Amino acid sequence: MSNPESHDDDIVIVSTTRVACDGGGGALGHPKTYLDMGSDTSVTCKYCDREFRLDPKTVPGGHH
């Protein structure tokens, strides 16, 4: 995979509260959908049930 996120049984650790999911299967995936955690620390894709969790080391609202 070309992104720096780590996968562990359909859990992806991310450093932003806004993520995109396409199912990860290329042509076998699903339409790309953008997910926003809002004030939560995780969000689940409605198509593939992959869970995206905010890295606990990430500063909420922080910018680089």
Protein backbone atom coordinates (compact mmCIF):
# COMPACT_ATOMS: atom_id res chain seq x y z
CA MET A 1 0.00 0.00 0.00
CA SER A 2 1.30 3.46 -0.80
CA ASN A 3 0.12 5.31 2.30
CA PRO A 4 1.86 5.41 5.69
CA GLU A 5 -1.14 4.16 7.60
CA SER A 6 -0.90 0.81 9.37
CA HIS A 7 -3.55 -1.88 9.00
CA ASP A 8 -4.49 -4.41 11.68
CA ASP A 9 -7.61 -6.47 10.97
CA ASP A 10 -9.46 -3.65 9.18
CA ILE A 11 -8.29 -0.99 11.65
CA VAL A 12 -6.29 1.87 10.15
CA ILE A 13 -4.35 4.27 12.37
CA VAL A 14 -4.39 7.79 10.90
CA SER A 15 -3.06 11.22 11.85
CA THR A 16 -6.02 13.27 10.57
CA THR A 17 -9.72 13.31 11.45
CA ARG A 18 -10.68 13.35 7.75
CA VAL A 19 -9.90 10.23 5.72
CA ALA A 20 -10.79 8.59 2.40
CA CYS A 21 -11.62 4.91 1.88
CA ASP A 22 -11.93 2.98 -1.39
CA GLY A 23 -11.98 -0.52 0.07
CA GLY A 24 -8.32 -1.05 -0.77
CA GLY A 25 -9.04 -3.64 -3.42
CA GLY A 26 -8.39 -1.61 -6.56
CA ALA A 27 -11.11 -2.60 -9.02
CA LEU A 28 -12.51 -4.93 -6.33
CA GLY A 29 -12.90 -2.11 -3.81
CA HIS A 30 -15.82 0.31 -3.52
CA PRO A 31 -16.45 3.93 -4.56
CA LYS A 32 -14.07 6.34 -2.81
CA THR A 33 -15.84 7.89 0.14
CA TYR A 34 -14.59 10.61 2.47
CA LEU A 35 -15.16 10.16 6.19
CA ASP A 36 -14.93 12.78 8.93
CA MET A 37 -14.54 11.83 12.60
CA GLY A 38 -15.85 15.15 13.83
CA SER A 39 -15.08 15.30 17.56
CA ASP A 40 -14.70 11.50 17.81
CA THR A 41 -11.42 9.57 17.58
CA SER A 42 -12.62 6.97 15.07
CA VAL A 43 -14.95 6.47 12.13
CA THR A 44 -16.13 3.36 10.28
CA CYS A 45 -16.60 3.06 6.51
CA LYS A 46 -20.22 2.30 5.62
CA TYR A 47 -19.16 0.16 2.65
CA CYS A 48 -16.45 -2.13 4.01
CA ASP A 49 -16.60 -1.65 7.80
CA ARG A 50 -12.91 -0.65 7.90
CA GLU A 51 -12.33 1.40 11.03
CA PHE A 52 -10.10 4.48 10.99
CA ARG A 53 -8.67 5.46 14.38
CA LEU A 54 -6.89 8.66 15.22
CA ASP A 55 -3.31 8.09 16.39
CA PRO A 56 -3.26 8.93 20.13
CA LYS A 57 -0.03 10.90 19.55
CA THR A 58 -1.86 13.27 17.17
CA VAL A 59 -2.62 16.71 18.58
CA PRO A 60 -6.34 17.45 18.02
CA GLY A 61 -6.76 20.44 15.74
CA GLY A 62 -3.01 20.64 15.26
CA HIS A 63 -1.56 21.81 11.96
CA HIS A 64 1.87 21.22 10.42
